[in-house]
Amino acid sequence: MISADADRPLWERVADELRERILSGAWKRGRALPTEDELSQEFGCSRTTLRKAMALLRAEGLFADDGPADGGVRHFSCMVTAVRLRPGDVVASVAPVCLVRANGSFDILPGGTAITCL
């Protein structure tokens, strides 16, 4: 469900919902995604708004699209991997990293960010 926070642009709220579907596993890797028309109807937004939200997810490395821009079939192709770290471990990635906390909140860190486990 899209948040009703009127202080944030609609495209950001749509991106939040799409991100949640990806990170929760609701959209499985390689699965054909709904068309732009279907998603814009679901969210009550224009295709331009939807495209802006999807561009953000693509920039975060959570989404790759191999379908036509006119609403054809798109495939979610990101692989999300969880690892258990020990105190003192340092991790860095060339791609963006989704850092998920125990309470379920998360941040997207840019590629190259060093993360030290406390």
PDB file of N, CA and C in Angstrom:
ATOM      1  N   MET A   1       0.848  -1.181   0.000  1.00  0.00           N
ATOM      2  CA  MET A   1       0.000   0.000   0.000  1.00  0.00           C
ATOM      3  C   MET A   1       0.887   1.235   0.000  1.00  0.00           C
ATOM      4  N   ILE A   2       0.601   2.141  -0.872  1.00  0.00           N
ATOM      5  CA  ILE A   2       1.384   3.370  -0.999  1.00  0.00           C
ATOM      6  C   ILE A   2       1.079   4.295   0.180  1.00  0.00           C
ATOM      7  N   SER A   3       2.121   4.909   0.733  1.00  0.00           N
ATOM      8  CA  SER A   3       1.930   5.773   1.899  1.00  0.00           C
ATOM      9  C   SER A   3       1.174   7.040   1.504  1.00  0.00           C
ATOM     10  N   ALA A   4       0.467   7.593   2.459  1.00  0.00           N
ATOM     11  CA  ALA A   4      -0.326   8.802   2.208  1.00  0.00           C
ATOM     12  C   ALA A   4       0.437  10.066   2.576  1.00  0.00           C
ATOM     13  N   ASP A   5       1.753   9.976   2.720  1.00  0.00           N
ATOM     14  CA  ASP A   5       2.597  11.097   3.120  1.00  0.00           C
ATOM     15  C   ASP A   5       2.635  12.135   2.000  1.00  0.00           C
ATOM     16  N   ALA A   6       1.837  13.188   2.149  1.00  0.00           N
ATOM     17  CA  ALA A   6       1.729  14.215   1.104  1.00  0.00           C
ATOM     18  C   ALA A   6       2.957  15.110   1.037  1.00  0.00           C
ATOM     19  N   ASP A   7       3.852  15.007   2.022  1.00  0.00           N
ATOM     20  CA  ASP A   7       5.071  15.820   2.012  1.00  0.00           C
ATOM     21  C   ASP A   7       6.124  15.273   1.057  1.00  0.00           C
ATOM     22  N   ARG A   8       5.936  14.049   0.589  1.00  0.00           N
ATOM     23  CA  ARG A   8       6.883  13.441  -0.341  1.00  0.00           C
ATOM     24  C   ARG A   8       6.233  13.272  -1.699  1.00  0.00           C
ATOM     25  N   PRO A   9       7.022  13.441  -2.775  1.00  0.00           N
ATOM     26  CA  PRO A   9       6.455  13.273  -4.115  1.00  0.00           C
ATOM     27  C   PRO A   9       5.919  11.851  -4.320  1.00  0.00           C
ATOM     28  N   LEU A  10       4.900  11.742  -5.164  1.00  0.00           N
ATOM     29  CA  LEU A  10       4.276  10.453  -5.437  1.00  0.00           C
ATOM     30  C   LEU A  10       5.291   9.452  -5.974  1.00  0.00           C
ATOM     31  N   TRP A  11       6.200   9.885  -6.856  1.00  0.00           N
ATOM     32  CA  TRP A  11       7.155   8.937  -7.436  1.00  0.00           C
ATOM     33  C   TRP A  11       8.044   8.311  -6.361  1.00  0.00           C
ATOM     34  N   GLU A  12       8.373   9.054  -5.299  1.00  0.00           N
ATOM     35  CA  GLU A  12       9.178   8.490  -4.205  1.00  0.00           C
ATOM     36  C   GLU A  12       8.376   7.448  -3.429  1.00  0.00           C
ATOM     37  N   ARG A  13       7.095   7.726  -3.221  1.00  0.00           N
ATOM     38  CA  ARG A  13       6.244   6.786  -2.494  1.00  0.00           C
ATOM     39  C   ARG A  13       6.001   5.516  -3.317  1.00  0.00           C
ATOM     40  N   VAL A  14       5.865   5.672  -4.638  1.00  0.00           N
ATOM     41  CA  VAL A  14       5.732   4.502  -5.521  1.00  0.00           C
ATOM     42  C   VAL A  14       7.031   3.694  -5.481  1.00  0.00           C
ATOM     43  N   ALA A  15       8.177   4.368  -5.537  1.00  0.00           N
ATOM     44  CA  ALA A  15       9.468   3.676  -5.470  1.00  0.00           C
ATOM     45  C   ALA A  15       9.594   2.910  -4.158  1.00  0.00           C
ATOM     46  N   ASP A  16       9.129   3.493  -3.053  1.00  0.00           N
ATOM     47  CA  ASP A  16       9.173   2.799  -1.755  1.00  0.00           C
ATOM     48  C   ASP A  16       8.390   1.491  -1.806  1.00  0.00           C
ATOM     49  N   GLU A  17       7.202   1.532  -2.391  1.00  0.00           N
ATOM     50  CA  GLU A  17       6.366   0.333  -2.470  1.00  0.00           C
ATOM     51  C   GLU A  17       7.008  -0.719  -3.377  1.00  0.00           C
ATOM     52  N   LEU A  18       7.528  -0.290  -4.530  1.00  0.00           N
ATOM     53  CA  LEU A  18       8.178  -1.239  -5.438  1.00  0.00           C
ATOM     54  C   LEU A  18       9.422  -1.846  -4.776  1.00  0.00           C
ATOM     55  N   ARG A  19      10.205  -1.012  -4.085  1.00  0.00           N
ATOM     56  CA  ARG A  19      11.407  -1.481  -3.374  1.00  0.00           C
ATOM     57  C   ARG A  19      11.026  -2.533  -2.330  1.00  0.00           C
ATOM     58  N   GLU A  20       9.959  -2.265  -1.608  1.00  0.00           N
ATOM     59  CA  GLU A  20       9.502  -3.210  -0.578  1.00  0.00           C
ATOM     60  C   GLU A  20       9.128  -4.549  -1.206  1.00  0.00           C
ATOM     61  N   ARG A  21       8.481  -4.529  -2.355  1.00  0.00           N
ATOM     62  CA  ARG A  21       8.117  -5.778  -3.039  1.00  0.00           C
ATOM     63  C   ARG A  21       9.362  -6.564  -3.440  1.00  0.00           C
ATOM     64  N   ILE A  22      10.371  -5.845  -3.897  1.00  0.00           N
ATOM     65  CA  ILE A  22      11.618  -6.509  -4.303  1.00  0.00           C
ATOM     66  C   ILE A  22      12.324  -7.093  -3.080  1.00  0.00           C
ATOM     67  N   LEU A  23      12.512  -6.281  -2.044  1.00  0.00           N
ATOM     68  CA  LEU A  23      13.288  -6.714  -0.882  1.00  0.00           C
ATOM     69  C   LEU A  23      12.561  -7.751  -0.037  1.00  0.00           C
ATOM     70  N   SER A  24      11.243  -7.741  -0.055  1.00  0.00           N
ATOM     71  CA  SER A  24      10.476  -8.715   0.726  1.00  0.00           C
ATOM     72  C   SER A  24      10.404 -10.070   0.036  1.00  0.00           C
ATOM     73  N   GLY A  25      10.778 -10.115  -1.244  1.00  0.00           N
ATOM     74  CA  GLY A  25      10.688 -11.370  -1.984  1.00  0.00           C
ATOM     75  C   GLY A  25       9.345 -11.552  -2.672  1.00  0.00           C
ATOM     76  N   ALA A  26       8.464 -10.550  -2.571  1.00  0.00           N
ATOM     77  CA  ALA A  26       7.170 -10.650  -3.256  1.00  0.00           C
ATOM     78  C   ALA A  26       7.364 -10.765  -4.766  1.00  0.00           C
ATOM     79  N   TRP A  27       8.404 -10.114  -5.278  1.00  0.00           N
ATOM     80  CA  TRP A  27       8.770 -10.260  -6.685  1.00  0.00           C
ATOM     81  C   TRP A  27      10.034 -11.095  -6.746  1.00  0.00           C
ATOM     82  N   LYS A  28       9.933 -12.256  -7.316  1.00  0.00           N
ATOM     83  CA  LYS A  28      11.051 -13.188  -7.401  1.00  0.00           C
ATOM     84  C   LYS A  28      11.945 -12.860  -8.588  1.00  0.00           C
ATOM     85  N   ARG A  29      13.210 -13.194  -8.456  1.00  0.00           N
ATOM     86  CA  ARG A  29      14.181 -12.974  -9.521  1.00  0.00           C
ATOM     87  C   ARG A  29      13.728 -13.675 -10.804  1.00  0.00           C
ATOM     88  N   GLY A  30      13.813 -12.957 -11.908  1.00  0.00           N
ATOM     89  CA  GLY A  30      13.458 -13.521 -13.203  1.00  0.00           C
ATOM     90  C   GLY A  30      11.969 -13.501 -13.506  1.00  0.00           C
ATOM     91  N   ARG A  31      11.170 -13.087 -12.548  1.00  0.00           N
ATOM     92  CA  ARG A  31       9.723 -13.039 -12.726  1.00  0.00           C
ATOM     93  C   ARG A  31       9.356 -11.881 -13.650  1.00  0.00           C
ATOM     94  N   ALA A  32       8.417 -12.121 -14.531  1.00  0.00           N
ATOM     95  CA  ALA A  32       7.921 -11.040 -15.380  1.00  0.00           C
ATOM     96  C   ALA A  32       7.112 -10.083 -14.518  1.00  0.00           C
ATOM     97  N   LEU A  33       7.424  -8.812 -14.618  1.00  0.00           N
ATOM     98  CA  LEU A  33       6.739  -7.801 -13.823  1.00  0.00           C
ATOM     99  C   LEU A  33       5.491  -7.310 -14.550  1.00  0.00           C
ATOM    100  N   PRO A  34       4.570  -6.699 -13.803  1.00  0.00           N
ATOM    101  CA  PRO A  34       3.405  -6.101 -14.454  1.00  0.00           C
ATOM    102  C   PRO A  34       3.846  -5.004 -15.430  1.00  0.00           C
ATOM    103  N   THR A  35       3.008  -4.708 -16.381  1.00  0.00           N
ATOM    104  CA  THR A  35       3.322  -3.661 -17.355  1.00  0.00           C
ATOM    105  C   THR A  35       3.237  -2.290 -16.692  1.00  0.00           C
ATOM    106  N   GLU A  36       3.779  -1.283 -17.364  1.00  0.00           N
ATOM    107  CA  GLU A  36       3.672   0.090 -16.871  1.00  0.00           C
ATOM    108  C   GLU A  36       2.206   0.494 -16.709  1.00  0.00           C
ATOM    109  N   ASP A  37       1.388   0.102 -17.661  1.00  0.00           N
ATOM    110  CA  ASP A  37      -0.030   0.447 -17.583  1.00  0.00           C
ATOM    111  C   ASP A  37      -0.678  -0.180 -16.347  1.00  0.00           C
ATOM    112  N   GLU A  38      -0.378  -1.451 -16.082  1.00  0.00           N
ATOM    113  CA  GLU A  38      -0.949  -2.129 -14.919  1.00  0.00           C
ATOM    114  C   GLU A  38      -0.492  -1.470 -13.614  1.00  0.00           C
ATOM    115  N   LEU A  39       0.825  -1.167 -13.523  1.00  0.00           N
ATOM    116  CA  LEU A  39       1.349  -0.555 -12.298  1.00  0.00           C
ATOM    117  C   LEU A  39       0.837   0.868 -12.117  1.00  0.00           C
ATOM    118  N   SER A  40       0.765   1.647 -13.201  1.00  0.00           N
ATOM    119  CA  SER A  40       0.277   3.018 -13.047  1.00  0.00           C
ATOM    120  C   SER A  40      -1.204   3.030 -12.675  1.00  0.00           C
ATOM    121  N   GLN A  41      -1.967   2.065 -13.146  1.00  0.00           N
ATOM    122  CA  GLN A  41      -3.372   1.951 -12.723  1.00  0.00           C
ATOM    123  C   GLN A  41      -3.438   1.570 -11.242  1.00  0.00           C
ATOM    124  N   GLU A  42      -2.631   0.603 -10.841  1.00  0.00           N
ATOM    125  CA  GLU A  42      -2.631   0.158  -9.442  1.00  0.00           C
ATOM    126  C   GLU A  42      -2.303   1.307  -8.484  1.00  0.00           C
ATOM    127  N   PHE A  43      -1.290   2.120  -8.844  1.00  0.00           N
ATOM    128  CA  PHE A  43      -0.846   3.197  -7.966  1.00  0.00           C
ATOM    129  C   PHE A  43      -1.587   4.512  -8.210  1.00  0.00           C
ATOM    130  N   GLY A  44      -2.414   4.553  -9.235  1.00  0.00           N
ATOM    131  CA  GLY A  44      -3.146   5.776  -9.538  1.00  0.00           C
ATOM    132  C   GLY A  44      -2.217   6.912  -9.945  1.00  0.00           C
ATOM    133  N   CYS A  45      -1.229   6.582 -10.764  1.00  0.00           N
ATOM    134  CA  CYS A  45      -0.262   7.597 -11.186  1.00  0.00           C
ATOM    135  C   CYS A  45      -0.051   7.507 -12.693  1.00  0.00           C
ATOM    136  N   SER A  46       0.626   8.498 -13.234  1.00  0.00           N
ATOM    137  CA  SER A  46       0.934   8.499 -14.665  1.00  0.00           C
ATOM    138  C   SER A  46       2.110   7.549 -14.938  1.00  0.00           C
ATOM    139  N   ARG A  47       2.260   7.170 -16.202  1.00  0.00           N
ATOM    140  CA  ARG A  47       3.412   6.336 -16.568  1.00  0.00           C
ATOM    141  C   ARG A  47       4.710   7.108 -16.351  1.00  0.00           C
ATOM    142  N   THR A  48       4.689   8.421 -16.503  1.00  0.00           N
ATOM    143  CA  THR A  48       5.882   9.246 -16.261  1.00  0.00           C
ATOM    144  C   THR A  48       6.306   9.135 -14.801  1.00  0.00           C
ATOM    145  N   THR A  49       5.349   9.208 -13.884  1.00  0.00           N
ATOM    146  CA  THR A  49       5.635   9.068 -12.455  1.00  0.00           C
ATOM    147  C   THR A  49       6.207   7.684 -12.170  1.00  0.00           C
ATOM    148  N   LEU A  50       5.587   6.660 -12.747  1.00  0.00           N
ATOM    149  CA  LEU A  50       6.056   5.290 -12.557  1.00  0.00           C
ATOM    150  C   LEU A  50       7.480   5.125 -13.090  1.00  0.00           C
ATOM    151  N   ARG A  51       7.753   5.679 -14.264  1.00  0.00           N
ATOM    152  CA  ARG A  51       9.092   5.568 -14.848  1.00  0.00           C
ATOM    153  C   ARG A  51      10.148   6.236 -13.975  1.00  0.00           C
ATOM    154  N   LYS A  52       9.796   7.354 -13.349  1.00  0.00           N
ATOM    155  CA  LYS A  52      10.729   8.036 -12.457  1.00  0.00           C
ATOM    156  C   LYS A  52      11.035   7.157 -11.238  1.00  0.00           C
ATOM    157  N   ALA A  53      10.015   6.504 -10.689  1.00  0.00           N
ATOM    158  CA  ALA A  53      10.210   5.589  -9.552  1.00  0.00           C
ATOM    159  C   ALA A  53      11.090   4.407  -9.958  1.00  0.00           C
ATOM    160  N   MET A  54      10.847   3.850 -11.133  1.00  0.00           N
ATOM    161  CA  MET A  54      11.626   2.700 -11.597  1.00  0.00           C
ATOM    162  C   MET A  54      13.067   3.103 -11.894  1.00  0.00           C
ATOM    163  N   ALA A  55      13.266   4.324 -12.387  1.00  0.00           N
ATOM    164  CA  ALA A  55      14.624   4.806 -12.652  1.00  0.00           C
ATOM    165  C   ALA A  55      15.423   4.890 -11.350  1.00  0.00           C
ATOM    166  N   LEU A  56      14.765   5.296 -10.267  1.00  0.00           N
ATOM    167  CA  LEU A  56      15.436   5.343  -8.971  1.00  0.00           C
ATOM    168  C   LEU A  56      15.868   3.950  -8.540  1.00  0.00           C
ATOM    169  N   LEU A  57      15.002   2.967  -8.680  1.00  0.00           N
ATOM    170  CA  LEU A  57      15.343   1.587  -8.309  1.00  0.00           C
ATOM    171  C   LEU A  57      16.462   1.036  -9.182  1.00  0.00           C
ATOM    172  N   ARG A  58      16.438   1.404 -10.450  1.00  0.00           N
ATOM    173  CA  ARG A  58      17.505   0.979 -11.364  1.00  0.00           C
ATOM    174  C   ARG A  58      18.823   1.582 -10.903  1.00  0.00           C
ATOM    175  N   ALA A  59      18.836   2.856 -10.514  1.00  0.00           N
ATOM    176  CA  ALA A  59      20.052   3.530 -10.042  1.00  0.00           C
ATOM    177  C   ALA A  59      20.548   2.921  -8.740  1.00  0.00           C
ATOM    178  N   GLU A  60      19.642   2.407  -7.920  1.00  0.00           N
ATOM    179  CA  GLU A  60      20.018   1.760  -6.668  1.00  0.00           C
ATOM    180  C   GLU A  60      20.527   0.341  -6.886  1.00  0.00           C
ATOM    181  N   GLY A  61      20.393  -0.163  -8.112  1.00  0.00           N
ATOM    182  CA  GLY A  61      20.849  -1.510  -8.414  1.00  0.00           C
ATOM    183  C   GLY A  61      19.849  -2.589  -8.037  1.00  0.00           C
ATOM    184  N   LEU A  62      18.626  -2.205  -7.736  1.00  0.00           N
ATOM    185  CA  LEU A  62      17.613  -3.179  -7.332  1.00  0.00           C
ATOM    186  C   LEU A  62      16.788  -3.692  -8.499  1.00  0.00           C
ATOM    187  N   PHE A  63      16.923  -3.069  -9.636  1.00  0.00           N
ATOM    188  CA  PHE A  63      16.015  -3.358 -10.729  1.00  0.00           C
ATOM    189  C   PHE A  63      16.765  -3.237 -12.045  1.00  0.00           C
ATOM    190  N   ALA A  64      16.586  -4.197 -12.898  1.00  0.00           N
ATOM    191  CA  ALA A  64      17.113  -4.089 -14.257  1.00  0.00           C
ATOM    192  C   ALA A  64      15.959  -4.379 -15.177  1.00  0.00           C
ATOM    193  N   ASP A  65      15.873  -3.646 -16.259  1.00  0.00           N
ATOM    194  CA  ASP A  65      14.750  -3.939 -17.102  1.00  0.00           C
ATOM    195  C   ASP A  65      15.208  -4.224 -18.501  1.00  0.00           C
ATOM    196  N   ASP A  66      14.720  -5.361 -18.997  1.00  0.00           N
ATOM    197  CA  ASP A  66      15.135  -5.812 -20.324  1.00  0.00           C
ATOM    198  C   ASP A  66      13.962  -5.832 -21.289  1.00  0.00           C
ATOM    199  N   GLY A  67      12.885  -5.166 -20.907  1.00  0.00           N
ATOM    200  CA  GLY A  67      11.720  -5.111 -21.779  1.00  0.00           C
ATOM    201  C   GLY A  67      11.616  -3.758 -22.441  1.00  0.00           C
ATOM    202  N   PRO A  68      10.746  -3.625 -23.391  1.00  0.00           N
ATOM    203  CA  PRO A  68      10.562  -2.350 -24.073  1.00  0.00           C
ATOM    204  C   PRO A  68       9.975  -1.297 -23.135  1.00  0.00           C
ATOM    205  N   ALA A  69      10.293  -0.040 -23.386  1.00  0.00           N
ATOM    206  CA  ALA A  69       9.835   1.057 -22.537  1.00  0.00           C
ATOM    207  C   ALA A  69       8.337   1.310 -22.654  1.00  0.00           C
ATOM    208  N   ASP A  70       7.694   0.732 -23.644  1.00  0.00           N
ATOM    209  CA  ASP A  70       6.269   1.008 -23.845  1.00  0.00           C
ATOM    210  C   ASP A  70       5.359   0.110 -23.012  1.00  0.00           C
ATOM    211  N   GLY A  71       5.884  -0.484 -21.957  1.00  0.00           N
ATOM    212  CA  GLY A  71       5.030  -1.270 -21.077  1.00  0.00           C
ATOM    213  C   GLY A  71       5.094  -2.756 -21.340  1.00  0.00           C
ATOM    214  N   GLY A  72       6.061  -3.203 -22.113  1.00  0.00           N
ATOM    215  CA  GLY A  72       6.213  -4.632 -22.363  1.00  0.00           C
ATOM    216  C   GLY A  72       6.727  -5.350 -21.124  1.00  0.00           C
ATOM    217  N   VAL A  73       7.006  -6.618 -21.273  1.00  0.00           N
ATOM    218  CA  VAL A  73       7.423  -7.450 -20.151  1.00  0.00           C
ATOM    219  C   VAL A  73       8.783  -7.007 -19.627  1.00  0.00           C
ATOM    220  N   ARG A  74       8.871  -6.883 -18.333  1.00  0.00           N
ATOM    221  CA  ARG A  74      10.108  -6.526 -17.659  1.00  0.00           C
ATOM    222  C   ARG A  74      10.435  -7.654 -16.693  1.00  0.00           C
ATOM    223  N   HIS A  75      11.701  -7.857 -16.444  1.00  0.00           N
ATOM    224  CA  HIS A  75      12.121  -8.904 -15.519  1.00  0.00           C
ATOM    225  C   HIS A  75      12.958  -8.306 -14.414  1.00  0.00           C
ATOM    226  N   PHE A  76      12.622  -8.666 -13.184  1.00  0.00           N
ATOM    227  CA  PHE A  76      13.432  -8.297 -12.038  1.00  0.00           C
ATOM    228  C   PHE A  76      14.636  -9.220 -12.062  1.00  0.00           C
ATOM    229  N   SER A  77      15.844  -8.664 -12.126  1.00  0.00           N
ATOM    230  CA  SER A  77      17.007  -9.517 -12.296  1.00  0.00           C
ATOM    231  C   SER A  77      18.080  -9.313 -11.234  1.00  0.00           C
ATOM    232  N   CYS A  78      17.722  -8.658 -10.148  1.00  0.00           N
ATOM    233  CA  CYS A  78      18.676  -8.442  -9.069  1.00  0.00           C
ATOM    234  C   CYS A  78      18.738  -9.680  -8.188  1.00  0.00           C
ATOM    235  N   MET A  79      19.919 -10.013  -7.707  1.00  0.00           N
ATOM    236  CA  MET A  79      20.056 -11.107  -6.763  1.00  0.00           C
ATOM    237  C   MET A  79      20.408 -10.505  -5.411  1.00  0.00           C
ATOM    238  N   VAL A  80      19.590 -10.742  -4.419  1.00  0.00           N
ATOM    239  CA  VAL A  80      19.825 -10.226  -3.079  1.00  0.00           C
ATOM    240  C   VAL A  80      20.376 -11.359  -2.232  1.00  0.00           C
ATOM    241  N   THR A  81      21.494 -11.115  -1.585  1.00  0.00           N
ATOM    242  CA  THR A  81      22.143 -12.135  -0.774  1.00  0.00           C
ATOM    243  C   THR A  81      22.335 -11.614   0.634  1.00  0.00           C
ATOM    244  N   ALA A  82      22.058 -12.448   1.613  1.00  0.00           N
ATOM    245  CA  ALA A  82      22.291 -12.080   3.012  1.00  0.00           C
ATOM    246  C   ALA A  82      23.521 -12.823   3.520  1.00  0.00           C
ATOM    247  N   VAL A  83      24.317 -12.148   4.296  1.00  0.00           N
ATOM    248  CA  VAL A  83      25.491 -12.777   4.905  1.00  0.00           C
ATOM    249  C   VAL A  83      25.506 -12.453   6.390  1.00  0.00           C
ATOM    250  N   ARG A  84      26.065 -13.337   7.178  1.00  0.00           N
ATOM    251  CA  ARG A  84      26.190 -13.096   8.608  1.00  0.00           C
ATOM    252  C   ARG A  84      27.591 -12.585   8.867  1.00  0.00           C
ATOM    253  N   LEU A  85      27.678 -11.404   9.465  1.00  0.00           N
ATOM    254  CA  LEU A  85      28.968 -10.778   9.744  1.00  0.00           C
ATOM    255  C   LEU A  85      29.313 -10.933  11.211  1.00  0.00           C
ATOM    256  N   ARG A  86      30.609 -10.891  11.487  1.00  0.00           N
ATOM    257  CA  ARG A  86      31.099 -10.937  12.864  1.00  0.00           C
ATOM    258  C   ARG A  86      31.689  -9.579  13.211  1.00  0.00           C
ATOM    259  N   PRO A  87      31.772  -9.236  14.506  1.00  0.00           N
ATOM    260  CA  PRO A  87      32.382  -7.966  14.899  1.00  0.00           C
ATOM    261  C   PRO A  87      33.770  -7.803  14.290  1.00  0.00           C
ATOM    262  N   GLY A  88      34.013  -6.631  13.724  1.00  0.00           N
ATOM    263  CA  GLY A  88      35.305  -6.343  13.104  1.00  0.00           C
ATOM    264  C   GLY A  88      35.351  -6.599  11.611  1.00  0.00           C
ATOM    265  N   ASP A  89      34.388  -7.356  11.073  1.00  0.00           N
ATOM    266  CA  ASP A  89      34.356  -7.602   9.630  1.00  0.00           C
ATOM    267  C   ASP A  89      34.100  -6.291   8.896  1.00  0.00           C
ATOM    268  N   VAL A  90      34.769  -6.117   7.766  1.00  0.00           N
ATOM    269  CA  VAL A  90      34.552  -4.947   6.916  1.00  0.00           C
ATOM    270  C   VAL A  90      34.150  -5.459   5.542  1.00  0.00           C
ATOM    271  N   VAL A  91      33.091  -4.876   5.000  1.00  0.00           N
ATOM    272  CA  VAL A  91      32.588  -5.303   3.699  1.00  0.00           C
ATOM    273  C   VAL A  91      32.474  -4.083   2.797  1.00  0.00           C
ATOM    274  N   ALA A  92      32.763  -4.261   1.520  1.00  0.00           N
ATOM    275  CA  ALA A  92      32.549  -3.214   0.524  1.00  0.00           C
ATOM    276  C   ALA A  92      32.055  -3.886  -0.747  1.00  0.00           C
ATOM    277  N   SER A  93      31.294  -3.168  -1.522  1.00  0.00           N
ATOM    278  CA  SER A  93      30.761  -3.705  -2.757  1.00  0.00           C
ATOM    279  C   SER A  93      30.892  -2.661  -3.851  1.00  0.00           C
ATOM    280  N   VAL A  94      31.087  -3.121  -5.074  1.00  0.00           N
ATOM    281  CA  VAL A  94      31.150  -2.173  -6.188  1.00  0.00           C
ATOM    282  C   VAL A  94      29.750  -1.730  -6.595  1.00  0.00           C
ATOM    283  N   ALA A  95      28.750  -2.503  -6.215  1.00  0.00           N
ATOM    284  CA  ALA A  95      27.354  -2.173  -6.526  1.00  0.00           C
ATOM    285  C   ALA A  95      26.676  -1.626  -5.273  1.00  0.00           C
ATOM    286  N   PRO A  96      25.544  -0.970  -5.425  1.00  0.00           N
ATOM    287  CA  PRO A  96      24.808  -0.517  -4.244  1.00  0.00           C
ATOM    288  C   PRO A  96      24.462  -1.697  -3.334  1.00  0.00           C
ATOM    289  N   VAL A  97      24.406  -1.442  -2.045  1.00  0.00           N
ATOM    290  CA  VAL A  97      24.128  -2.475  -1.058  1.00  0.00           C
ATOM    291  C   VAL A  97      22.884  -2.077  -0.270  1.00  0.00           C
ATOM    292  N   CYS A  98      22.004  -3.034  -0.066  1.00  0.00           N
ATOM    293  CA  CYS A  98      20.842  -2.811   0.786  1.00  0.00           C
ATOM    294  C   CYS A  98      21.197  -3.320   2.180  1.00  0.00           C
ATOM    295  N   LEU A  99      21.209  -2.431   3.142  1.00  0.00           N
ATOM    296  CA  LEU A  99      21.513  -2.770   4.521  1.00  0.00           C
ATOM    297  C   LEU A  99      20.189  -2.887   5.262  1.00  0.00           C
ATOM    298  N   VAL A 100      19.852  -4.110   5.693  1.00  0.00           N
ATOM    299  CA  VAL A 100      18.580  -4.354   6.378  1.00  0.00           C
ATOM    300  C   VAL A 100      18.854  -4.551   7.862  1.00  0.00           C
ATOM    301  N   ARG A 101      18.168  -3.783   8.679  1.00  0.00           N
ATOM    302  CA  ARG A 101      18.333  -3.870  10.132  1.00  0.00           C
ATOM    303  C   ARG A 101      17.382  -4.921  10.712  1.00  0.00           C
ATOM    304  N   ALA A 102      17.637  -5.321  11.950  1.00  0.00           N
ATOM    305  CA  ALA A 102      16.815  -6.324  12.622  1.00  0.00           C
ATOM    306  C   ALA A 102      15.355  -5.889  12.720  1.00  0.00           C
ATOM    307  N   ASN A 103      15.097  -4.587  12.808  1.00  0.00           N
ATOM    308  CA  ASN A 103      13.717  -4.100  12.925  1.00  0.00           C
ATOM    309  C   ASN A 103      12.998  -4.006  11.578  1.00  0.00           C
ATOM    310  N   GLY A 104      13.701  -4.384  10.495  1.00  0.00           N
ATOM    311  CA  GLY A 104      13.095  -4.380   9.171  1.00  0.00           C
ATOM    312  C   GLY A 104      13.329  -3.123   8.361  1.00  0.00           C
ATOM    313  N   SER A 105      13.841  -2.063   8.989  1.00  0.00           N
ATOM    314  CA  SER A 105      14.147  -0.848   8.221  1.00  0.00           C
ATOM    315  C   SER A 105      15.396  -1.108   7.380  1.00  0.00           C
ATOM    316  N   PHE A 106      15.597  -0.306   6.363  1.00  0.00           N
ATOM    317  CA  PHE A 106      16.755  -0.527   5.504  1.00  0.00           C
ATOM    318  C   PHE A 106      17.253   0.777   4.914  1.00  0.00           C
ATOM    319  N   ASP A 107      18.511   0.749   4.470  1.00  0.00           N
ATOM    320  CA  ASP A 107      19.134   1.851   3.742  1.00  0.00           C
ATOM    321  C   ASP A 107      19.778   1.284   2.499  1.00  0.00           C
ATOM    322  N   ILE A 108      19.839   2.075   1.444  1.00  0.00           N
ATOM    323  CA  ILE A 108      20.571   1.710   0.237  1.00  0.00           C
ATOM    324  C   ILE A 108      21.877   2.492   0.281  1.00  0.00           C
ATOM    325  N   LEU A 109      22.993   1.782   0.344  1.00  0.00           N
ATOM    326  CA  LEU A 109      24.308   2.416   0.394  1.00  0.00           C
ATOM    327  C   LEU A 109      24.928   2.391  -0.993  1.00  0.00           C
ATOM    328  N   PRO A 110      25.569   3.471  -1.422  1.00  0.00           N
ATOM    329  CA  PRO A 110      26.177   3.482  -2.758  1.00  0.00           C
ATOM    330  C   PRO A 110      27.329   2.500  -2.855  1.00  0.00           C
ATOM    331  N   GLY A 111      27.603   2.029  -4.055  1.00  0.00           N
ATOM    332  CA  GLY A 111      28.731   1.124  -4.278  1.00  0.00           C
ATOM    333  C   GLY A 111      30.019   1.739  -3.755  1.00  0.00           C
ATOM    334  N   GLY A 112      30.885   0.894  -3.220  1.00  0.00           N
ATOM    335  CA  GLY A 112      32.159   1.344  -2.702  1.00  0.00           C
ATOM    336  C   GLY A 112      32.125   1.752  -1.241  1.00  0.00           C
ATOM    337  N   THR A 113      30.943   1.747  -0.626  1.00  0.00           N
ATOM    338  CA  THR A 113      30.829   2.108   0.773  1.00  0.00           C
ATOM    339  C   THR A 113      31.394   0.981   1.632  1.00  0.00           C
ATOM    340  N   ALA A 114      32.304   1.294   2.536  1.00  0.00           N
ATOM    341  CA  ALA A 114      32.841   0.296   3.457  1.00  0.00           C
ATOM    342  C   ALA A 114      31.921   0.223   4.677  1.00  0.00           C
ATOM    343  N   ILE A 115      31.577  -0.991   5.051  1.00  0.00           N
ATOM    344  CA  ILE A 115      30.698  -1.214   6.192  1.00  0.00           C
ATOM    345  C   ILE A 115      31.476  -2.034   7.207  1.00  0.00           C
ATOM    346  N   THR A 116      31.579  -1.510   8.445  1.00  0.00           N
ATOM    347  CA  THR A 116      32.265  -2.231   9.513  1.00  0.00           C
ATOM    348  C   THR A 116      31.241  -2.731  10.505  1.00  0.00           C
ATOM    349  N   CYS A 117      31.301  -4.009  10.789  1.00  0.00           N
ATOM    350  CA  CYS A 117      30.380  -4.619  11.750  1.00  0.00           C
ATOM    351  C   CYS A 117      30.902  -4.369  13.160  1.00  0.00           C
ATOM    352  N   LEU A 118      30.040  -3.854  14.026  1.00  0.00           N
ATOM    353  CA  LEU A 118      30.430  -3.573  15.419  1.00  0.00           C
ATOM    354  C   LEU A 118      30.156  -4.753  16.309  1.00  0.00           C
TER     355      LEU A 118
END
